[in-house]
């Protein structure tokens, strides 16, 4: 019975790991788009307004 319990625990652990990895990948891909868009927006905003701040005293 001990071997069976260990086998079941191992299988459940593997399935659990796959499920967790699947959710992490889904969340990553779901958030990747908005993160890229926000990142580009911030970069463009800094490019447009950052020059004035950096070169202001000149």
C-alpha atoms as a PDB file:
ATOM      1  CA  UNK A   1       0.000   0.000   0.000  1.00  0.00           C
ATOM      2  CA  UNK A   2       2.925   2.360   0.737  1.00  0.00           C
ATOM      3  CA  UNK A   3       4.132   2.151  -2.858  1.00  0.00           C
ATOM      4  CA  UNK A   4       0.641   2.896  -4.139  1.00  0.00           C
ATOM      5  CA  UNK A   5       0.327   5.949  -1.874  1.00  0.00           C
ATOM      6  CA  UNK A   6       3.690   7.274  -3.021  1.00  0.00           C
ATOM      7  CA  UNK A   7       2.754   6.718  -6.654  1.00  0.00           C
ATOM      8  CA  UNK A   8      -0.588   8.502  -6.199  1.00  0.00           C
ATOM      9  CA  UNK A   9       1.080  11.406  -4.384  1.00  0.00           C
ATOM     10  CA  UNK A  10       3.699  11.681  -7.120  1.00  0.00           C
ATOM     11  CA  UNK A  11       1.060  11.650  -9.879  1.00  0.00           C
ATOM     12  CA  UNK A  12      -1.034  14.277  -8.042  1.00  0.00           C
ATOM     13  CA  UNK A  13       2.058  16.433  -7.531  1.00  0.00           C
ATOM     14  CA  UNK A  14       2.928  16.232 -11.245  1.00  0.00           C
ATOM     15  CA  UNK A  15      -0.665  17.046 -12.271  1.00  0.00           C
ATOM     16  CA  UNK A  16      -0.763  19.916  -9.773  1.00  0.00           C
ATOM     17  CA  UNK A  17       2.525  21.275 -11.120  1.00  0.00           C
ATOM     18  CA  UNK A  18       1.255  21.110 -14.712  1.00  0.00           C
ATOM     19  CA  UNK A  19      -1.986  22.870 -13.729  1.00  0.00           C
ATOM     20  CA  UNK A  20      -0.085  25.618 -11.877  1.00  0.00           C
ATOM     21  CA  UNK A  21       2.308  26.069 -14.807  1.00  0.00           C
ATOM     22  CA  UNK A  22      -0.670  26.268 -17.160  1.00  0.00           C
ATOM     23  CA  UNK A  23      -2.317  29.003 -15.086  1.00  0.00           C
ATOM     24  CA  UNK A  24       0.978  30.923 -14.797  1.00  0.00           C
ATOM     25  CA  UNK A  25       1.467  30.779 -18.569  1.00  0.00           C
ATOM     26  CA  UNK A  26      -2.141  31.864 -19.174  1.00  0.00           C
ATOM     27  CA  UNK A  27      -1.801  34.802 -16.781  1.00  0.00           C
ATOM     28  CA  UNK A  28       1.573  35.756 -18.289  1.00  0.00           C
ATOM     29  CA  UNK A  29       0.209  35.779 -21.845  1.00  0.00           C
ATOM     30  CA  UNK A  30      -2.995  37.538 -20.722  1.00  0.00           C
ATOM     31  CA  UNK A  31      -1.001  40.302 -18.987  1.00  0.00           C
ATOM     32  CA  UNK A  32       1.803  40.475 -21.560  1.00  0.00           C
ATOM     33  CA  UNK A  33      -0.208  42.514 -24.070  1.00  0.00           C
ATOM     34  CA  UNK A  34      -1.308  45.262 -21.648  1.00  0.00           C
ATOM     35  CA  UNK A  35       2.189  45.375 -20.090  1.00  0.00           C
ATOM     36  CA  UNK A  36       3.780  45.901 -23.523  1.00  0.00           C
ATOM     37  CA  UNK A  37       1.228  48.594 -24.429  1.00  0.00           C
ATOM     38  CA  UNK A  38       1.719  50.386 -21.090  1.00  0.00           C
ATOM     39  CA  UNK A  39       5.510  50.073 -21.426  1.00  0.00           C
ATOM     40  CA  UNK A  40       5.456  51.581 -24.927  1.00  0.00           C
ATOM     41  CA  UNK A  41       3.173  54.376 -23.697  1.00  0.00           C
ATOM     42  CA  UNK A  42       5.548  55.201 -20.839  1.00  0.00           C
ATOM     43  CA  UNK A  43       8.574  55.144 -23.166  1.00  0.00           C
ATOM     44  CA  UNK A  44       6.849  57.456 -25.669  1.00  0.00           C
ATOM     45  CA  UNK A  45       5.676  59.766 -22.868  1.00  0.00           C
ATOM     46  CA  UNK A  46       9.202  59.980 -21.417  1.00  0.00           C
ATOM     47  CA  UNK A  47      10.645  60.542 -24.903  1.00  0.00           C
ATOM     48  CA  UNK A  48       8.248  63.457 -25.505  1.00  0.00           C
ATOM     49  CA  UNK A  49       8.359  65.063 -22.036  1.00  0.00           C
ATOM     50  CA  UNK A  50      11.749  63.847 -20.790  1.00  0.00           C
ATOM     51  CA  UNK A  51      13.672  66.041 -23.267  1.00  0.00           C
ATOM     52  CA  UNK A  52      12.135  69.199 -21.811  1.00  0.00           C
ATOM     53  CA  UNK A  53      12.943  68.142 -18.249  1.00  0.00           C
ATOM     54  CA  UNK A  54      16.506  67.082 -19.063  1.00  0.00           C
ATOM     55  CA  UNK A  55      17.257  70.016 -21.385  1.00  0.00           C
ATOM     56  CA  UNK A  56      15.209  72.563 -19.423  1.00  0.00           C
ATOM     57  CA  UNK A  57      18.052  74.522 -17.771  1.00  0.00           C
ATOM     58  CA  UNK A  58      19.907  74.740 -21.083  1.00  0.00           C
END
